[in-house]
Amino acid sequence: MIVDSRLFAPDPVLDPTPTPLIINDNLIDLLTRPGDRAGADARLDWRPKVAPYQVTSTVKTVAAGKPTNITVTATDGGTRIRLSGTIAADSEPLLRTSPVTDPAAFGRTALIEALARAGVEVSAAATAPNPVARLPRDYDGRPRVAAYTSPPYEQYAKLILKVSHNLGANLGICLMAVTSGSNQCEDGFPVLAAFLDRAGVDRRQAELMDGRGGNPADRATPQALVQMLAYWQRTPDAQRFREALPILGVDGLLAENCRSCPARGKVFGKTGAAVGGDTLNDRLAVGAITIAGYLDKGGGRFDTFYAGVNGASTPTADPAGVLTIANDLALIAAYLQESPDGRDPLSPPGHRPGLLPPPYGVSRLPGSEGRRPVRRAGASRRS
């Protein structure tokens, strides 16, 4: 039993790094629930359960309101995982993860164990190393025992867009390289560049080192994003692409925003965030938080839009401050959708087009110090 993982070479520049074989995002899920009372052992469940991985926990339940703090450590190549710490009695289940360090060997064992559960006897040792040296040069003339055809890629793309699945976004770069006959992920960028040229996107308005937009070098202006959105509107896949984006108040990363506002279900927008720590000031540094997509204006009309914040910070190190900024942007998108004829709502006479007035403009949003103005796509400037 050998896993052939030669489709492409993992590229550490892409973080998280895609591999040709991926099971459960190359992660072990570790779910901890509080015990029945303070002092009791916490309850643990984990998946996928594949040899030789073993998980133990010494996490204890503490009184309601006390701190929840769980640490994960892994040894023996990641196969021995231990959880320690505390979980409050009133805490929701807490998910932690531990990486699968050898995805090919992990997948090989998982397949052998699955075959055994189905009554298929496999003579190879389940936990032996993946013997890649025994792989043939190619498979010409060799009989195929079975084949699995995956769902259409659009279903995976929908997952990537709905929840900002970073591993999947980076995997797209590697798969584009494969289509060009290369096993080097960086060769996916010329494929992407050619597509952007065909789509009418000015590549001078973007810089990319990965597929997820998380590399410090990654940049894209509102102009490039709106050009990309406009391209999809001209294709037969316009509706499928639009509905693959998070929908305000309905699903994805916008599911909890604006659930009772008139714009619910009428804003289709991909969110993005680049946030880091500011230890000096005990707060979070917001490089950028953005949203871009379509506004359903009725009658089959879908306006493109972009709204973004950059160069900002949160009042404290509490991640809730980041969610507050993201919610502000979702509300701005809702206001734009609700406004008649594409005008900004409640704009006083003489107010600059594209800039929301108080109390909806950036000058009055909580924790908005240092933010640059939010602009409609038609008034976008390079950032």
Protein backbone atom coordinates (compact mmCIF):
# COMPACT_ATOMS: atom_id res chain seq x y z
CA MET A 1 0.00 0.00 0.00
CA ILE A 2 1.65 3.21 -1.21
CA VAL A 3 0.31 6.77 -1.36
CA ASP A 4 1.55 8.56 -4.47
CA SER A 5 2.01 12.15 -3.34
CA ARG A 6 3.97 13.36 -6.36
CA LEU A 7 1.19 15.58 -7.76
CA PHE A 8 3.00 18.65 -6.49
CA ALA A 9 5.75 19.51 -4.02
CA PRO A 10 4.56 21.22 -0.83
CA ASP A 11 5.73 24.85 -0.80
CA PRO A 12 6.38 26.30 2.69
CA VAL A 13 5.94 29.83 1.31
CA LEU A 14 2.24 28.97 1.22
CA ASP A 15 1.00 29.10 4.80
CA PRO A 16 -0.91 26.91 5.58
CA THR A 17 0.97 24.58 3.27
CA PRO A 18 -1.15 22.37 0.96
CA THR A 19 -0.18 18.75 0.37
CA PRO A 20 -1.35 16.42 -2.42
CA LEU A 21 -3.24 14.28 0.10
CA ILE A 22 -5.29 16.15 2.70
CA ILE A 23 -7.53 14.52 5.31
CA ASN A 24 -9.44 16.76 7.72
CA ASP A 25 -7.28 19.72 6.68
CA ASN A 26 -4.23 17.80 7.96
CA LEU A 27 -5.44 18.37 11.52
CA ILE A 28 -6.50 16.31 14.51
CA ASP A 29 -9.61 17.91 16.05
CA LEU A 30 -9.63 17.95 19.86
CA LEU A 31 -12.98 18.83 21.46
CA THR A 32 -13.10 19.42 25.23
CA ARG A 33 -16.31 19.70 27.25
CA PRO A 34 -16.55 20.50 30.97
CA GLY A 35 -17.20 17.66 33.41
CA ASP A 36 -20.22 17.32 35.68
CA ARG A 37 -18.79 19.51 38.45
CA ALA A 38 -15.80 21.59 39.44
CA GLY A 39 -12.79 19.33 40.02
CA ALA A 40 -14.01 16.63 37.63
CA ASP A 41 -12.06 15.52 34.59
CA ALA A 42 -13.07 17.29 31.42
CA ARG A 43 -14.62 15.24 28.63
CA LEU A 44 -12.56 14.79 25.48
CA ASP A 45 -13.43 13.66 21.99
CA TRP A 46 -11.10 13.71 19.01
CA ARG A 47 -11.03 12.87 15.32
CA PRO A 48 -10.01 11.38 12.99
CA LYS A 49 -8.98 8.40 15.08
CA VAL A 50 -6.13 6.88 13.04
CA ALA A 51 -3.17 4.82 14.29
CA PRO A 52 -0.64 5.47 15.66
CA TYR A 53 -2.12 8.75 16.94
CA GLN A 54 -3.02 8.74 20.63
CA VAL A 55 -4.58 11.57 22.62
CA THR A 56 -4.64 12.01 26.40
CA SER A 57 -6.02 14.81 28.55
CA THR A 58 -5.44 16.06 32.09
CA VAL A 59 -7.79 19.02 31.66
CA LYS A 60 -9.83 19.70 34.79
CA THR A 61 -13.20 21.38 35.21
CA VAL A 62 -13.15 24.57 37.31
CA ALA A 63 -16.00 26.60 38.75
CA ALA A 64 -18.25 28.58 36.45
CA GLY A 65 -16.74 31.93 35.56
CA LYS A 66 -13.18 30.76 36.17
CA PRO A 67 -10.62 30.93 33.32
CA THR A 68 -10.62 28.37 30.52
CA ASN A 69 -7.07 27.72 29.37
CA ILE A 70 -6.13 24.56 27.48
CA THR A 71 -2.65 23.81 26.14
CA VAL A 72 -1.90 21.22 23.44
CA THR A 73 1.51 19.54 23.18
CA ALA A 74 2.60 16.87 20.70
CA THR A 75 5.58 14.50 20.66
CA ASP A 76 6.81 11.50 18.64
CA GLY A 77 6.31 13.20 15.30
CA GLY A 78 2.97 14.60 16.38
CA THR A 79 1.44 11.19 17.11
CA ARG A 80 1.30 11.56 20.90
CA ILE A 81 -0.97 14.47 21.78
CA ARG A 82 -1.61 15.73 25.29
CA LEU A 83 -4.05 18.36 26.51
CA SER A 84 -3.63 20.11 29.84
CA GLY A 85 -5.23 23.03 31.63
CA THR A 86 -8.70 23.99 32.80
CA ILE A 87 -12.19 24.51 31.41
CA ALA A 88 -14.94 26.39 33.24
CA ALA A 89 -18.08 24.47 34.22
CA ASP A 90 -20.22 26.92 32.22
CA SER A 91 -17.95 26.91 29.15
CA GLU A 92 -19.10 25.95 25.69
CA PRO A 93 -17.23 23.00 24.11
CA LEU A 94 -13.74 24.18 23.18
CA LEU A 95 -12.04 23.02 19.97
CA ARG A 96 -8.28 22.81 19.67
CA THR A 97 -6.25 21.20 16.89
CA SER A 98 -2.92 19.46 16.43
CA PRO A 99 -1.20 19.15 13.04
CA VAL A 100 -0.75 15.93 11.08
CA THR A 101 2.97 16.06 10.35
CA ASP A 102 3.10 13.35 7.65
CA PRO A 103 -0.11 13.56 5.60
CA ALA A 104 0.89 10.78 3.17
CA ALA A 105 1.64 8.23 5.93
CA PHE A 106 -1.50 9.36 7.79
CA GLY A 107 -3.62 8.87 4.68
CA ARG A 108 -2.08 5.48 3.99
CA THR A 109 -2.95 4.24 7.47
CA ALA A 110 -6.44 5.75 7.30
CA LEU A 111 -7.11 3.90 4.02
CA ILE A 112 -5.84 0.56 5.33
CA GLU A 113 -8.02 0.91 8.44
CA ALA A 114 -11.06 1.90 6.35
CA LEU A 115 -10.56 -1.12 4.09
CA ALA A 116 -10.37 -3.38 7.14
CA ARG A 117 -13.66 -1.96 8.45
CA ALA A 118 -15.19 -2.79 5.06
CA GLY A 119 -13.94 -6.39 5.29
CA VAL A 120 -11.00 -6.00 2.91
CA GLU A 121 -7.84 -7.70 4.13
CA VAL A 122 -4.62 -5.75 3.58
CA SER A 123 -1.33 -7.57 4.15
CA ALA A 124 0.73 -4.39 4.51
CA ALA A 125 1.40 -3.10 8.01
CA ALA A 126 -0.97 -0.23 8.75
CA THR A 127 1.54 2.01 10.49
CA ALA A 128 4.62 1.40 8.36
CA PRO A 129 6.27 4.33 6.53
CA ASN A 130 4.86 5.23 3.14
CA PRO A 131 7.28 3.40 0.76
CA VAL A 132 7.50 6.07 -1.95
CA ALA A 133 10.71 4.57 -3.38
CA ARG A 134 8.67 1.67 -4.74
CA LEU A 135 6.38 3.88 -6.83
CA PRO A 136 6.51 3.28 -10.60
CA ARG A 137 7.53 6.04 -13.00
CA ASP A 138 3.98 6.07 -14.37
CA TYR A 139 0.86 3.91 -14.46
CA ASP A 140 0.66 3.18 -18.18
CA GLY A 141 -0.69 -0.32 -18.78
CA ARG A 142 -1.37 -0.99 -15.13
CA PRO A 143 -4.88 -2.15 -14.18
CA ARG A 144 -7.07 0.26 -12.22
CA VAL A 145 -8.81 -1.41 -9.27
CA ALA A 146 -11.13 1.50 -8.40
CA ALA A 147 -11.53 5.22 -8.92
CA TYR A 148 -13.21 8.01 -6.99
CA THR A 149 -14.44 11.11 -8.79
CA SER A 150 -14.61 14.11 -6.52
CA PRO A 151 -17.51 16.59 -6.54
CA PRO A 152 -17.17 19.55 -8.94
CA TYR A 153 -14.50 22.04 -7.87
CA GLU A 154 -17.15 24.74 -7.55
CA GLN A 155 -18.34 23.03 -4.35
CA TYR A 156 -14.87 23.32 -2.83
CA ALA A 157 -14.60 26.90 -4.08
CA LYS A 158 -17.88 27.67 -2.32
CA LEU A 159 -16.45 26.34 0.96
CA ILE A 160 -13.30 28.42 0.48
CA LEU A 161 -15.31 31.59 -0.07
CA LYS A 162 -17.98 31.03 2.58
CA VAL A 163 -15.61 30.47 5.50
CA SER A 164 -12.28 31.87 4.20
CA HIS A 165 -10.74 28.40 4.02
CA ASN A 166 -7.09 29.42 3.78
CA LEU A 167 -5.66 25.96 3.12
CA GLY A 168 -8.06 25.54 0.20
CA ALA A 169 -7.20 28.96 -1.21
CA ASN A 170 -3.50 28.11 -1.19
CA LEU A 171 -4.23 24.68 -2.67
CA GLY A 172 -5.78 26.45 -5.66
CA ILE A 173 -2.36 27.88 -6.59
CA CYS A 174 -0.80 24.40 -6.56
CA LEU A 175 -3.62 22.91 -8.62
CA MET A 176 -3.22 25.66 -11.21
CA ALA A 177 0.45 24.70 -11.46
CA VAL A 178 -0.57 21.09 -12.08
CA THR A 179 -2.78 22.17 -14.98
CA SER A 180 0.32 23.66 -16.60
CA GLY A 181 2.23 20.38 -16.27
CA SER A 182 4.33 21.49 -13.30
CA ASN A 183 4.64 20.07 -9.80
CA GLN A 184 5.99 23.35 -8.39
CA CYS A 185 3.26 25.42 -6.77
CA GLU A 186 4.81 28.77 -7.77
CA ASP A 187 4.12 27.86 -11.39
CA GLY A 188 0.45 28.40 -10.63
CA PHE A 189 0.94 32.16 -10.59
CA PRO A 190 1.48 32.51 -14.37
CA VAL A 191 -1.77 30.55 -14.83
CA LEU A 192 -3.53 32.98 -12.49
CA ALA A 193 -1.94 35.95 -14.23
CA ALA A 194 -3.20 34.78 -17.63
CA PHE A 195 -6.70 34.37 -16.22
CA LEU A 196 -6.68 37.87 -14.72
CA ASP A 197 -5.56 39.28 -18.07
CA ARG A 198 -8.45 37.54 -19.83
CA ALA A 199 -10.82 38.82 -17.14
CA GLY A 200 -9.75 42.42 -17.69
CA VAL A 201 -8.19 42.85 -14.25
CA ASP A 202 -5.29 45.31 -14.09
CA ARG A 203 -2.56 43.21 -12.45
CA ARG A 204 -0.66 46.35 -11.52
CA GLN A 205 -3.36 46.82 -8.90
CA ALA A 206 -2.50 43.57 -7.10
CA GLU A 207 0.48 41.80 -5.54
CA LEU A 208 0.28 38.15 -4.47
CA MET A 209 2.64 35.63 -2.90
CA ASP A 210 -0.02 33.06 -2.01
CA GLY A 211 -3.63 32.12 -2.68
CA ARG A 212 -5.20 33.20 0.60
CA GLY A 213 -4.06 36.83 0.72
CA GLY A 214 -2.24 36.32 4.00
CA ASN A 215 1.38 36.90 2.99
CA PRO A 216 2.75 40.27 4.20
CA ALA A 217 3.49 41.13 0.56
CA ASP A 218 -0.11 40.57 -0.59
CA ARG A 219 -1.99 43.67 -1.75
CA ALA A 220 -5.05 44.40 -3.88
CA THR A 221 -6.72 47.73 -4.55
CA PRO A 222 -10.48 48.26 -4.61
CA GLN A 223 -10.15 48.77 -8.37
CA ALA A 224 -8.74 45.27 -8.91
CA LEU A 225 -11.40 43.68 -6.73
CA VAL A 226 -14.24 45.47 -8.49
CA GLN A 227 -12.81 44.54 -11.89
CA MET A 228 -12.79 40.90 -10.78
CA LEU A 229 -16.36 41.12 -9.51
CA ALA A 230 -17.50 42.80 -12.73
CA TYR A 231 -15.89 40.02 -14.77
CA TRP A 232 -17.92 37.32 -13.05
CA GLN A 233 -21.09 39.28 -13.68
CA ARG A 234 -20.45 38.90 -17.43
CA THR A 235 -20.09 35.11 -17.30
CA PRO A 236 -22.66 32.28 -17.38
CA ASP A 237 -21.49 31.45 -13.83
CA ALA A 238 -22.49 34.85 -12.43
CA GLN A 239 -25.21 33.55 -10.14
CA ARG A 240 -23.20 30.56 -8.93
CA PHE A 241 -20.22 32.77 -8.11
CA ARG A 242 -22.37 35.38 -6.38
CA GLU A 243 -24.17 32.80 -4.25
CA ALA A 244 -20.86 31.15 -3.32
CA LEU A 245 -19.96 34.31 -1.39
CA PRO A 246 -21.06 34.77 2.23
CA ILE A 247 -24.62 36.15 2.30
CA LEU A 248 -25.45 38.84 4.83
CA GLY A 249 -27.42 37.44 7.75
CA VAL A 250 -27.70 34.03 6.09
CA ASP A 251 -24.47 32.01 5.91
CA GLY A 252 -20.71 31.93 5.92
CA LEU A 253 -18.75 34.62 7.71
CA LEU A 254 -21.72 37.01 7.42
CA ALA A 255 -24.25 34.64 8.99
CA GLU A 256 -24.47 36.52 12.30
CA ASN A 257 -24.42 40.06 10.89
CA CYS A 258 -27.55 42.12 10.29
CA ARG A 259 -29.94 39.20 10.77
CA SER A 260 -32.96 41.48 11.20
CA CYS A 261 -32.15 44.32 8.81
CA PRO A 262 -33.88 44.84 5.43
CA ALA A 263 -30.61 44.03 3.62
CA ARG A 264 -30.54 40.50 4.99
CA GLY A 265 -30.01 38.08 2.10
CA LYS A 266 -29.32 40.94 -0.32
CA VAL A 267 -25.59 41.49 0.25
CA PHE A 268 -23.14 38.94 -1.16
CA GLY A 269 -19.66 39.73 0.10
CA LYS A 270 -16.27 38.13 0.67
CA THR A 271 -14.62 39.30 3.84
CA GLY A 272 -10.92 39.45 4.63
CA ALA A 273 -8.74 40.44 7.56
CA ALA A 274 -5.06 40.97 8.27
CA VAL A 275 -4.64 41.37 12.02
CA GLY A 276 -1.57 41.07 14.22
CA GLY A 277 -0.53 41.72 17.78
CA ASP A 278 0.64 45.06 19.16
CA THR A 279 2.36 43.93 22.35
CA LEU A 280 3.82 47.38 22.98
CA ASN A 281 0.35 48.87 23.45
CA ASP A 282 -1.47 45.69 24.56
CA ARG A 283 -3.89 45.79 21.65
CA LEU A 284 -4.35 44.36 18.16
CA ALA A 285 -3.02 45.99 15.00
CA VAL A 286 -5.48 45.90 12.12
CA GLY A 287 -3.58 45.92 8.85
CA ALA A 288 -6.83 45.60 6.93
CA ILE A 289 -10.38 44.36 7.27
CA THR A 290 -12.40 44.46 4.06
CA ILE A 291 -15.56 43.29 2.37
CA ALA A 292 -16.30 43.25 -1.35
CA GLY A 293 -19.05 41.77 -3.45
CA TYR A 294 -22.52 42.53 -4.76
CA LEU A 295 -25.56 44.49 -3.62
CA ASP A 296 -28.92 43.13 -4.76
CA LYS A 297 -30.75 46.31 -5.80
CA GLY A 298 -33.78 44.47 -7.20
CA GLY A 299 -34.98 43.82 -10.72
CA GLY A 300 -31.97 41.64 -11.52
CA ARG A 301 -29.51 44.46 -10.80
CA PHE A 302 -26.41 43.63 -8.74
CA ASP A 303 -24.05 46.51 -7.96
CA THR A 304 -20.43 45.79 -7.10
CA PHE A 305 -19.08 47.34 -3.92
CA TYR A 306 -16.01 47.49 -1.72
CA ALA A 307 -15.57 48.74 1.84
CA GLY A 308 -12.42 48.55 3.87
CA VAL A 309 -10.52 49.69 6.93
CA ASN A 310 -6.74 49.77 7.21
CA GLY A 311 -4.09 51.19 9.50
CA ALA A 312 -6.38 50.77 12.52
CA SER A 313 -6.11 49.25 15.98
CA THR A 314 -8.42 47.82 18.59
CA PRO A 315 -8.78 49.42 22.04
CA THR A 316 -7.49 46.28 23.79
CA ALA A 317 -6.04 42.86 22.96
CA ASP A 318 -9.52 41.34 23.09
CA PRO A 319 -10.30 39.76 19.66
CA ALA A 320 -13.88 41.01 20.07
CA GLY A 321 -12.59 44.38 18.91
CA VAL A 322 -11.79 42.87 15.51
CA LEU A 323 -15.31 41.47 15.27
CA THR A 324 -16.68 44.94 16.04
CA ILE A 325 -14.83 46.42 13.07
CA ALA A 326 -15.96 43.59 10.81
CA ASN A 327 -19.55 44.12 11.93
CA ASP A 328 -19.24 47.84 11.16
CA LEU A 329 -18.25 46.99 7.60
CA ALA A 330 -21.14 44.55 7.26
CA LEU A 331 -23.52 47.29 8.43
CA ILE A 332 -22.05 49.73 5.92
CA ALA A 333 -22.67 47.17 3.18
CA ALA A 334 -26.25 46.88 4.42
CA TYR A 335 -26.73 50.65 4.33
CA LEU A 336 -25.41 50.76 0.77
CA GLN A 337 -27.81 48.03 -0.29
CA GLU A 338 -30.78 49.76 1.34
CA SER A 339 -30.01 53.19 -0.12
CA PRO A 340 -32.05 54.18 -3.20
CA ASP A 341 -30.34 54.59 -6.57
CA GLY A 342 -26.97 53.66 -5.11
CA ARG A 343 -26.80 56.85 -3.00
CA ASP A 344 -25.37 56.81 0.48
CA PRO A 345 -28.27 56.86 2.96
CA LEU A 346 -28.97 60.01 4.97
CA SER A 347 -26.34 62.00 3.05
CA PRO A 348 -26.71 65.72 3.84
CA PRO A 349 -26.48 68.28 1.03
CA GLY A 350 -22.92 68.84 -0.08
CA HIS A 351 -21.66 65.62 1.50
CA ARG A 352 -18.92 63.94 -0.52
CA PRO A 353 -20.26 60.98 -2.54
CA GLY A 354 -19.05 57.60 -1.39
CA LEU A 355 -18.44 58.58 2.25
CA LEU A 356 -21.07 57.69 4.81
CA PRO A 357 -22.06 60.58 7.13
CA PRO A 358 -22.24 60.29 10.93
CA PRO A 359 -23.56 58.37 12.74
CA TYR A 360 -22.71 55.73 10.09
CA GLY A 361 -19.39 57.13 8.88
CA VAL A 362 -16.02 56.12 10.22
CA SER A 363 -15.78 59.19 12.44
CA ARG A 364 -18.37 57.74 14.82
CA LEU A 365 -17.78 53.99 14.62
CA PRO A 366 -16.60 52.44 17.91
CA GLY A 367 -12.83 52.17 18.16
CA SER A 368 -12.39 53.84 14.77
CA GLU A 369 -9.40 56.00 15.61
CA GLY A 370 -6.86 55.97 12.82
CA ARG A 371 -9.16 54.47 10.22
CA ARG A 372 -9.16 55.71 6.68
CA PRO A 373 -12.49 56.56 5.05
CA VAL A 374 -14.73 53.83 3.70
CA ARG A 375 -15.54 54.39 0.05
CA ARG A 376 -17.95 53.05 -2.48
CA ALA A 377 -16.37 51.21 -5.42
CA GLY A 378 -17.08 54.08 -7.77
CA ALA A 379 -15.03 56.43 -5.64
CA SER A 380 -12.25 53.98 -4.74
CA ARG A 381 -8.66 55.08 -4.45
CA ARG A 382 -5.53 53.00 -4.40
CA SER A 383 -4.62 51.85 -0.91
